[in-house]
Structure formats: structure tokens, C-alpha cells
Amino acid sequence: MFDESSSTYGHRRIKKALNKKGIKTSNNRVRRIMHENGLISVLKTRYKATTNSNHSYPVAPNLLTQDFSAETVNQKWVGDITYISPQEG
């Protein structure tokens, strides 16, 4: 049951599933058995969008138009400054 859930079922959900199948047990028993067998449930987090493209701020022009090949050294430089937080927050 734990493997069928891709390791997402914890002791509470496994207990509910066992009770639905007619196997009476308690949360503590399921938790203890999971602990003894090294079964740790994994939380799946939902994707959180962090970029809002609908804003009124100026957008830098795309000067390279996705052409990153250069004929000589130091002809084209690109960078990413998304880690710098703005003063407004």
C-alpha cells in the first residue's frame, strides 16, 4: 500500500485504507510498523509560480534574439541577475 502510493501515504492514510478493507488497526500501530521498516512518507509539493509576467515595469529588449553563437571571444556576454532583490520588496 505504501509503495502503491509512491511513498506519499503516511500512517493516517494507511490506517484509513486498512480500515476500509476491514482491517482494524490504530494510528500508533501503523506508525510503529512504518518506523520499524524505515518507511518515511514523502510530501509532494505543488508547483508555485514565482514569475508574474503581467506587470507595467519596462522589459529589456532582446538584442541577441536567441542567437548566442559568437564569431570572436568576448563578442556577446549574457548574465542572470534574478537573485538580486529589488528595493521595493
PDB file of N, CA and C in Angstrom:
ATOM      1  N   MET A   1       0.833  -1.191   0.000  1.00  0.00           N
ATOM      2  CA  MET A   1       0.000   0.000   0.000  1.00  0.00           C
ATOM      3  C   MET A   1       0.878   1.255   0.000  1.00  0.00           C
ATOM      4  N   PHE A   2       1.949   1.223   0.783  1.00  0.00           N
ATOM      5  CA  PHE A   2       2.868   2.360   0.837  1.00  0.00           C
ATOM      6  C   PHE A   2       3.548   2.555  -0.515  1.00  0.00           C
ATOM      7  N   ASP A   3       4.003   1.457  -1.128  1.00  0.00           N
ATOM      8  CA  ASP A   3       4.674   1.546  -2.427  1.00  0.00           C
ATOM      9  C   ASP A   3       3.702   1.934  -3.532  1.00  0.00           C
ATOM     10  N   GLU A   4       2.459   1.477  -3.440  1.00  0.00           N
ATOM     11  CA  GLU A   4       1.450   1.813  -4.451  1.00  0.00           C
ATOM     12  C   GLU A   4       1.155   3.309  -4.470  1.00  0.00           C
ATOM     13  N   SER A   5       1.335   3.962  -3.334  1.00  0.00           N
ATOM     14  CA  SER A   5       1.059   5.399  -3.248  1.00  0.00           C
ATOM     15  C   SER A   5       2.279   6.240  -3.607  1.00  0.00           C
ATOM     16  N   SER A   6       3.312   5.615  -4.137  1.00  0.00           N
ATOM     17  CA  SER A   6       4.578   6.299  -4.458  1.00  0.00           C
ATOM     18  C   SER A   6       5.175   6.955  -3.221  1.00  0.00           C
ATOM     19  N   SER A   7       5.063   6.268  -2.100  1.00  0.00           N
ATOM     20  CA  SER A   7       5.617   6.705  -0.810  1.00  0.00           C
ATOM     21  C   SER A   7       4.982   7.990  -0.292  1.00  0.00           C
ATOM     22  N   THR A   8       3.745   8.284  -0.705  1.00  0.00           N
ATOM     23  CA  THR A   8       3.102   9.510  -0.245  1.00  0.00           C
ATOM     24  C   THR A   8       2.137   9.266   0.906  1.00  0.00           C
ATOM     25  N   TYR A   9       1.744   8.030   1.147  1.00  0.00           N
ATOM     26  CA  TYR A   9       0.812   7.748   2.240  1.00  0.00           C
ATOM     27  C   TYR A   9       1.555   7.728   3.572  1.00  0.00           C
ATOM     28  N   GLY A  10       1.056   8.477   4.522  1.00  0.00           N
ATOM     29  CA  GLY A  10       1.576   8.439   5.876  1.00  0.00           C
ATOM     30  C   GLY A  10       0.769   7.457   6.706  1.00  0.00           C
ATOM     31  N   HIS A  11       1.028   7.412   8.006  1.00  0.00           N
ATOM     32  CA  HIS A  11       0.358   6.422   8.846  1.00  0.00           C
ATOM     33  C   HIS A  11      -1.148   6.655   8.934  1.00  0.00           C
ATOM     34  N   ARG A  12      -1.594   7.895   8.872  1.00  0.00           N
ATOM     35  CA  ARG A  12      -3.031   8.163   8.964  1.00  0.00           C
ATOM     36  C   ARG A  12      -3.776   7.661   7.732  1.00  0.00           C
ATOM     37  N   ARG A  13      -3.235   7.925   6.557  1.00  0.00           N
ATOM     38  CA  ARG A  13      -3.909   7.492   5.329  1.00  0.00           C
ATOM     39  C   ARG A  13      -3.850   5.979   5.172  1.00  0.00           C
ATOM     40  N   ILE A  14      -2.758   5.365   5.585  1.00  0.00           N
ATOM     41  CA  ILE A  14      -2.669   3.909   5.524  1.00  0.00           C
ATOM     42  C   ILE A  14      -3.671   3.290   6.482  1.00  0.00           C
ATOM     43  N   LYS A  15      -3.829   3.879   7.675  1.00  0.00           N
ATOM     44  CA  LYS A  15      -4.809   3.369   8.637  1.00  0.00           C
ATOM     45  C   LYS A  15      -6.219   3.451   8.065  1.00  0.00           C
ATOM     46  N   LYS A  16      -6.552   4.575   7.418  1.00  0.00           N
ATOM     47  CA  LYS A  16      -7.879   4.711   6.814  1.00  0.00           C
ATOM     48  C   LYS A  16      -8.094   3.683   5.717  1.00  0.00           C
ATOM     49  N   ALA A  17      -7.066   3.468   4.896  1.00  0.00           N
ATOM     50  CA  ALA A  17      -7.186   2.495   3.813  1.00  0.00           C
ATOM     51  C   ALA A  17      -7.340   1.081   4.359  1.00  0.00           C
ATOM     52  N   LEU A  18      -6.616   0.756   5.417  1.00  0.00           N
ATOM     53  CA  LEU A  18      -6.751  -0.562   6.034  1.00  0.00           C
ATOM     54  C   LEU A  18      -8.131  -0.737   6.650  1.00  0.00           C
ATOM     55  N   ASN A  19      -8.647   0.306   7.297  1.00  0.00           N
ATOM     56  CA  ASN A  19      -9.986   0.224   7.880  1.00  0.00           C
ATOM     57  C   ASN A  19     -11.044   0.014   6.808  1.00  0.00           C
ATOM     58  N   LYS A  20     -10.872   0.649   5.635  1.00  0.00           N
ATOM     59  CA  LYS A  20     -11.823   0.446   4.537  1.00  0.00           C
ATOM     60  C   LYS A  20     -11.792  -0.986   4.028  1.00  0.00           C
ATOM     61  N   LYS A  21     -10.634  -1.640   4.126  1.00  0.00           N
ATOM     62  CA  LYS A  21     -10.510  -3.036   3.699  1.00  0.00           C
ATOM     63  C   LYS A  21     -10.940  -4.008   4.788  1.00  0.00           C
ATOM     64  N   GLY A  22     -11.373  -3.488   5.931  1.00  0.00           N
ATOM     65  CA  GLY A  22     -11.852  -4.342   7.012  1.00  0.00           C
ATOM     66  C   GLY A  22     -10.795  -4.733   8.016  1.00  0.00           C
ATOM     67  N   ILE A  23      -9.620  -4.153   7.929  1.00  0.00           N
ATOM     68  CA  ILE A  23      -8.546  -4.444   8.881  1.00  0.00           C
ATOM     69  C   ILE A  23      -8.540  -3.341   9.924  1.00  0.00           C
ATOM     70  N   LYS A  24      -8.924  -3.674  11.142  1.00  0.00           N
ATOM     71  CA  LYS A  24      -8.980  -2.691  12.219  1.00  0.00           C
ATOM     72  C   LYS A  24      -7.596  -2.540  12.840  1.00  0.00           C
ATOM     73  N   THR A  25      -7.134  -1.316  12.916  1.00  0.00           N
ATOM     74  CA  THR A  25      -5.828  -1.016  13.494  1.00  0.00           C
ATOM     75  C   THR A  25      -5.843   0.411  14.014  1.00  0.00           C
ATOM     76  N   SER A  26      -4.760   0.826  14.611  1.00  0.00           N
ATOM     77  CA  SER A  26      -4.676   2.182  15.153  1.00  0.00           C
ATOM     78  C   SER A  26      -3.556   2.945  14.451  1.00  0.00           C
ATOM     79  N   ASN A  27      -3.616   4.267  14.593  1.00  0.00           N
ATOM     80  CA  ASN A  27      -2.566   5.107  14.018  1.00  0.00           C
ATOM     81  C   ASN A  27      -1.204   4.764  14.598  1.00  0.00           C
ATOM     82  N   ASN A  28      -1.156   4.541  15.914  1.00  0.00           N
ATOM     83  CA  ASN A  28       0.129   4.259  16.563  1.00  0.00           C
ATOM     84  C   ASN A  28       0.746   2.964  16.059  1.00  0.00           C
ATOM     85  N   ARG A  29      -0.078   1.940  15.841  1.00  0.00           N
ATOM     86  CA  ARG A  29       0.449   0.664  15.361  1.00  0.00           C
ATOM     87  C   ARG A  29       1.022   0.827  13.950  1.00  0.00           C
ATOM     88  N   VAL A  30       0.272   1.498  13.085  1.00  0.00           N
ATOM     89  CA  VAL A  30       0.747   1.696  11.713  1.00  0.00           C
ATOM     90  C   VAL A  30       2.014   2.538  11.722  1.00  0.00           C
ATOM     91  N   ARG A  31       2.044   3.580  12.548  1.00  0.00           N
ATOM     92  CA  ARG A  31       3.225   4.445  12.636  1.00  0.00           C
ATOM     93  C   ARG A  31       4.438   3.656  13.129  1.00  0.00           C
ATOM     94  N   ARG A  32       4.226   2.798  14.129  1.00  0.00           N
ATOM     95  CA  ARG A  32       5.325   1.999  14.673  1.00  0.00           C
ATOM     96  C   ARG A  32       5.854   1.014  13.637  1.00  0.00           C
ATOM     97  N   ILE A  33       4.956   0.350  12.920  1.00  0.00           N
ATOM     98  CA  ILE A  33       5.378  -0.613  11.902  1.00  0.00           C
ATOM     99  C   ILE A  33       6.114   0.094  10.768  1.00  0.00           C
ATOM    100  N   MET A  34       5.623   1.261  10.377  1.00  0.00           N
ATOM    101  CA  MET A  34       6.315   2.017   9.330  1.00  0.00           C
ATOM    102  C   MET A  34       7.710   2.417   9.799  1.00  0.00           C
ATOM    103  N   HIS A  35       7.824   2.844  11.055  1.00  0.00           N
ATOM    104  CA  HIS A  35       9.122   3.252  11.600  1.00  0.00           C
ATOM    105  C   HIS A  35      10.083   2.066  11.651  1.00  0.00           C
ATOM    106  N   GLU A  36       9.591   0.900  12.077  1.00  0.00           N
ATOM    107  CA  GLU A  36      10.435  -0.290  12.171  1.00  0.00           C
ATOM    108  C   GLU A  36      10.952  -0.723  10.800  1.00  0.00           C
ATOM    109  N   ASN A  37      10.179  -0.472   9.758  1.00  0.00           N
ATOM    110  CA  ASN A  37      10.570  -0.874   8.405  1.00  0.00           C
ATOM    111  C   ASN A  37      11.226   0.256   7.619  1.00  0.00           C
ATOM    112  N   GLY A  38      11.430   1.400   8.257  1.00  0.00           N
ATOM    113  CA  GLY A  38      12.104   2.518   7.605  1.00  0.00           C
ATOM    114  C   GLY A  38      11.281   3.176   6.516  1.00  0.00           C
ATOM    115  N   LEU A  39       9.958   3.128   6.639  1.00  0.00           N
ATOM    116  CA  LEU A  39       9.077   3.732   5.643  1.00  0.00           C
ATOM    117  C   LEU A  39       8.767   5.165   6.049  1.00  0.00           C
ATOM    118  N   ILE A  40       9.224   6.104   5.258  1.00  0.00           N
ATOM    119  CA  ILE A  40       9.006   7.521   5.531  1.00  0.00           C
ATOM    120  C   ILE A  40       8.242   8.102   4.355  1.00  0.00           C
ATOM    121  N   SER A  41       7.107   8.722   4.644  1.00  0.00           N
ATOM    122  CA  SER A  41       6.303   9.289   3.562  1.00  0.00           C
ATOM    123  C   SER A  41       6.957  10.559   3.032  1.00  0.00           C
ATOM    124  N   VAL A  42       6.764  10.782   1.742  1.00  0.00           N
ATOM    125  CA  VAL A  42       7.346  11.928   1.061  1.00  0.00           C
ATOM    126  C   VAL A  42       6.230  12.894   0.726  1.00  0.00           C
ATOM    127  N   LEU A  43       6.418  14.163   1.085  1.00  0.00           N
ATOM    128  CA  LEU A  43       5.426  15.174   0.758  1.00  0.00           C
ATOM    129  C   LEU A  43       5.659  15.665  -0.658  1.00  0.00           C
ATOM    130  N   LYS A  44       4.605  15.649  -1.455  1.00  0.00           N
ATOM    131  CA  LYS A  44       4.699  16.204  -2.797  1.00  0.00           C
ATOM    132  C   LYS A  44       4.218  17.639  -2.734  1.00  0.00           C
ATOM    133  N   THR A  45       5.081  18.553  -3.132  1.00  0.00           N
ATOM    134  CA  THR A  45       4.708  19.961  -3.097  1.00  0.00           C
ATOM    135  C   THR A  45       4.225  20.400  -4.465  1.00  0.00           C
ATOM    136  N   ARG A  46       3.275  21.282  -4.483  1.00  0.00           N
ATOM    137  CA  ARG A  46       2.744  21.788  -5.731  1.00  0.00           C
ATOM    138  C   ARG A  46       3.683  22.840  -6.304  1.00  0.00           C
ATOM    139  N   TYR A  47       3.642  22.979  -7.612  1.00  0.00           N
ATOM    140  CA  TYR A  47       4.457  23.986  -8.289  1.00  0.00           C
ATOM    141  C   TYR A  47       3.928  25.368  -7.938  1.00  0.00           C
ATOM    142  N   LYS A  48       4.820  26.229  -7.559  1.00  0.00           N
ATOM    143  CA  LYS A  48       4.446  27.592  -7.227  1.00  0.00           C
ATOM    144  C   LYS A  48       5.075  28.532  -8.247  1.00  0.00           C
ATOM    145  N   ALA A  49       4.237  29.234  -8.974  1.00  0.00           N
ATOM    146  CA  ALA A  49       4.742  30.179  -9.966  1.00  0.00           C
ATOM    147  C   ALA A  49       5.352  31.374  -9.248  1.00  0.00           C
ATOM    148  N   THR A  50       6.572  31.704  -9.600  1.00  0.00           N
ATOM    149  CA  THR A  50       7.258  32.812  -8.933  1.00  0.00           C
ATOM    150  C   THR A  50       7.449  34.011  -9.846  1.00  0.00           C
ATOM    151  N   THR A  51       7.085  33.870 -11.103  1.00  0.00           N
ATOM    152  CA  THR A  51       7.256  34.967 -12.050  1.00  0.00           C
ATOM    153  C   THR A  51       5.898  35.498 -12.469  1.00  0.00           C
ATOM    154  N   ASN A  52       5.726  36.805 -12.393  1.00  0.00           N
ATOM    155  CA  ASN A  52       4.493  37.443 -12.830  1.00  0.00           C
ATOM    156  C   ASN A  52       4.824  38.273 -14.067  1.00  0.00           C
ATOM    157  N   SER A  53       4.383  37.787 -15.223  1.00  0.00           N
ATOM    158  CA  SER A  53       4.686  38.488 -16.471  1.00  0.00           C
ATOM    159  C   SER A  53       3.727  39.632 -16.742  1.00  0.00           C
ATOM    160  N   ASN A  54       2.648  39.714 -15.993  1.00  0.00           N
ATOM    161  CA  ASN A  54       1.670  40.789 -16.185  1.00  0.00           C
ATOM    162  C   ASN A  54       2.005  41.952 -15.255  1.00  0.00           C
ATOM    163  N   HIS A  55       2.940  42.785 -15.673  1.00  0.00           N
ATOM    164  CA  HIS A  55       3.327  43.937 -14.869  1.00  0.00           C
ATOM    165  C   HIS A  55       3.556  45.127 -15.795  1.00  0.00           C
ATOM    166  N   SER A  56       3.658  46.285 -15.206  1.00  0.00           N
ATOM    167  CA  SER A  56       3.831  47.501 -16.002  1.00  0.00           C
ATOM    168  C   SER A  56       5.282  47.978 -16.033  1.00  0.00           C
ATOM    169  N   TYR A  57       6.197  47.182 -15.509  1.00  0.00           N
ATOM    170  CA  TYR A  57       7.601  47.575 -15.488  1.00  0.00           C
ATOM    171  C   TYR A  57       8.212  47.442 -16.887  1.00  0.00           C
ATOM    172  N   PRO A  58       9.240  48.231 -17.193  1.00  0.00           N
ATOM    173  CA  PRO A  58       9.857  48.128 -18.516  1.00  0.00           C
ATOM    174  C   PRO A  58      10.578  46.790 -18.682  1.00  0.00           C
ATOM    175  N   VAL A  59      10.542  46.273 -19.891  1.00  0.00           N
ATOM    176  CA  VAL A  59      11.178  45.000 -20.207  1.00  0.00           C
ATOM    177  C   VAL A  59      12.392  45.286 -21.079  1.00  0.00           C
ATOM    178  N   ALA A  60      13.513  44.661 -20.749  1.00  0.00           N
ATOM    179  CA  ALA A  60      14.743  44.872 -21.522  1.00  0.00           C
ATOM    180  C   ALA A  60      14.576  44.282 -22.918  1.00  0.00           C
ATOM    181  N   PRO A  61      15.103  44.946 -23.926  1.00  0.00           N
ATOM    182  CA  PRO A  61      14.965  44.429 -25.295  1.00  0.00           C
ATOM    183  C   PRO A  61      15.810  43.173 -25.488  1.00  0.00           C
ATOM    184  N   ASN A  62      15.336  42.275 -26.338  1.00  0.00           N
ATOM    185  CA  ASN A  62      16.044  41.039 -26.644  1.00  0.00           C
ATOM    186  C   ASN A  62      17.010  41.305 -27.796  1.00  0.00           C
ATOM    187  N   LEU A  63      18.195  41.777 -27.479  1.00  0.00           N
ATOM    188  CA  LEU A  63      19.160  42.175 -28.502  1.00  0.00           C
ATOM    189  C   LEU A  63      19.777  40.979 -29.228  1.00  0.00           C
ATOM    190  N   LEU A  64      19.887  39.848 -28.564  1.00  0.00           N
ATOM    191  CA  LEU A  64      20.510  38.679 -29.189  1.00  0.00           C
ATOM    192  C   LEU A  64      19.517  37.853 -29.999  1.00  0.00           C
ATOM    193  N   THR A  65      18.255  38.017 -29.773  1.00  0.00           N
ATOM    194  CA  THR A  65      17.190  37.228 -30.421  1.00  0.00           C
ATOM    195  C   THR A  65      17.534  35.743 -30.446  1.00  0.00           C
ATOM    196  N   GLN A  66      17.929  35.237 -29.274  1.00  0.00           N
ATOM    197  CA  GLN A  66      18.242  33.827 -29.051  1.00  0.00           C
ATOM    198  C   GLN A  66      19.424  33.330 -29.893  1.00  0.00           C
ATOM    199  N   ASP A  67      20.242  34.207 -30.436  1.00  0.00           N
ATOM    200  CA  ASP A  67      21.429  33.813 -31.195  1.00  0.00           C
ATOM    201  C   ASP A  67      22.644  34.007 -30.289  1.00  0.00           C
ATOM    202  N   PHE A  68      23.067  32.922 -29.612  1.00  0.00           N
ATOM    203  CA  PHE A  68      24.142  33.012 -28.637  1.00  0.00           C
ATOM    204  C   PHE A  68      25.507  32.644 -29.227  1.00  0.00           C
ATOM    205  N   SER A  69      25.560  32.333 -30.502  1.00  0.00           N
ATOM    206  CA  SER A  69      26.845  31.997 -31.113  1.00  0.00           C
ATOM    207  C   SER A  69      27.620  33.287 -31.402  1.00  0.00           C
ATOM    208  N   ALA A  70      28.923  33.235 -31.177  1.00  0.00           N
ATOM    209  CA  ALA A  70      29.771  34.413 -31.378  1.00  0.00           C
ATOM    210  C   ALA A  70      30.924  34.053 -32.305  1.00  0.00           C
ATOM    211  N   GLU A  71      31.315  35.008 -33.116  1.00  0.00           N
ATOM    212  CA  GLU A  71      32.418  34.783 -34.048  1.00  0.00           C
ATOM    213  C   GLU A  71      33.769  34.972 -33.370  1.00  0.00           C
ATOM    214  N   THR A  72      33.838  35.850 -32.361  1.00  0.00           N
ATOM    215  CA  THR A  72      35.085  36.083 -31.643  1.00  0.00           C
ATOM    216  C   THR A  72      34.819  36.002 -30.149  1.00  0.00           C
ATOM    217  N   VAL A  73      35.886  35.918 -29.395  1.00  0.00           N
ATOM    218  CA  VAL A  73      35.792  35.878 -27.944  1.00  0.00           C
ATOM    219  C   VAL A  73      35.347  37.242 -27.431  1.00  0.00           C
ATOM    220  N   ASN A  74      34.549  37.271 -26.394  1.00  0.00           N
ATOM    221  CA  ASN A  74      34.045  38.488 -25.753  1.00  0.00           C
ATOM    222  C   ASN A  74      33.168  39.343 -26.674  1.00  0.00           C
ATOM    223  N   GLN A  75      32.572  38.728 -27.664  1.00  0.00           N
ATOM    224  CA  GLN A  75      31.686  39.474 -28.551  1.00  0.00           C
ATOM    225  C   GLN A  75      30.289  39.595 -27.942  1.00  0.00           C
ATOM    226  N   LYS A  76      29.823  38.532 -27.284  1.00  0.00           N
ATOM    227  CA  LYS A  76      28.493  38.535 -26.672  1.00  0.00           C
ATOM    228  C   LYS A  76      28.617  38.058 -25.233  1.00  0.00           C
ATOM    229  N   TRP A  77      28.053  38.828 -24.342  1.00  0.00           N
ATOM    230  CA  TRP A  77      28.030  38.471 -22.938  1.00  0.00           C
ATOM    231  C   TRP A  77      26.580  38.436 -22.482  1.00  0.00           C
ATOM    232  N   VAL A  78      26.251  37.451 -21.680  1.00  0.00           N
ATOM    233  CA  VAL A  78      24.909  37.370 -21.103  1.00  0.00           C
ATOM    234  C   VAL A  78      25.056  37.113 -19.612  1.00  0.00           C
ATOM    235  N   GLY A  79      24.019  37.428 -18.883  1.00  0.00           N
ATOM    236  CA  GLY A  79      24.036  37.206 -17.447  1.00  0.00           C
ATOM    237  C   GLY A  79      22.634  37.065 -16.907  1.00  0.00           C
ATOM    238  N   ASP A  80      22.559  36.681 -15.658  1.00  0.00           N
ATOM    239  CA  ASP A  80      21.276  36.495 -14.996  1.00  0.00           C
ATOM    240  C   ASP A  80      21.367  37.147 -13.623  1.00  0.00           C
ATOM    241  N   ILE A  81      20.501  38.103 -13.364  1.00  0.00           N
ATOM    242  CA  ILE A  81      20.534  38.802 -12.081  1.00  0.00           C
ATOM    243  C   ILE A  81      19.229  38.613 -11.326  1.00  0.00           C
ATOM    244  N   THR A  82      18.572  37.475 -11.528  1.00  0.00           N
ATOM    245  CA  THR A  82      17.297  37.243 -10.854  1.00  0.00           C
ATOM    246  C   THR A  82      17.465  37.079  -9.345  1.00  0.00           C
ATOM    247  N   TYR A  83      18.676  36.825  -8.878  1.00  0.00           N
ATOM    248  CA  TYR A  83      18.894  36.640  -7.452  1.00  0.00           C
ATOM    249  C   TYR A  83      18.974  37.967  -6.702  1.00  0.00           C
ATOM    250  N   ILE A  84      19.075  39.083  -7.397  1.00  0.00           N
ATOM    251  CA  ILE A  84      19.159  40.390  -6.748  1.00  0.00           C
ATOM    252  C   ILE A  84      17.750  40.878  -6.460  1.00  0.00           C
ATOM    253  N   SER A  85      17.456  41.106  -5.178  1.00  0.00           N
ATOM    254  CA  SER A  85      16.107  41.549  -4.828  1.00  0.00           C
ATOM    255  C   SER A  85      15.988  43.062  -4.991  1.00  0.00           C
ATOM    256  N   PRO A  86      14.865  43.534  -5.509  1.00  0.00           N
ATOM    257  CA  PRO A  86      14.680  44.978  -5.689  1.00  0.00           C
ATOM    258  C   PRO A  86      14.435  45.673  -4.351  1.00  0.00           C
ATOM    259  N   GLN A  87      14.596  46.973  -4.327  1.00  0.00           N
ATOM    260  CA  GLN A  87      14.408  47.740  -3.098  1.00  0.00           C
ATOM    261  C   GLN A  87      12.959  47.712  -2.628  1.00  0.00           C
ATOM    262  N   GLU A  88      12.002  47.637  -3.575  1.00  0.00           N
ATOM    263  CA  GLU A  88      10.583  47.683  -3.199  1.00  0.00           C
ATOM    264  C   GLU A  88      10.136  46.415  -2.499  1.00  0.00           C
ATOM    265  N   GLY A  89      10.845  45.337  -2.626  1.00  0.00           N
ATOM    266  CA  GLY A  89      10.452  44.106  -1.974  1.00  0.00           C
ATOM    267  C   GLY A  89      10.421  43.008  -2.925  1.00  0.00           C
TER     268      GLY A  89
END
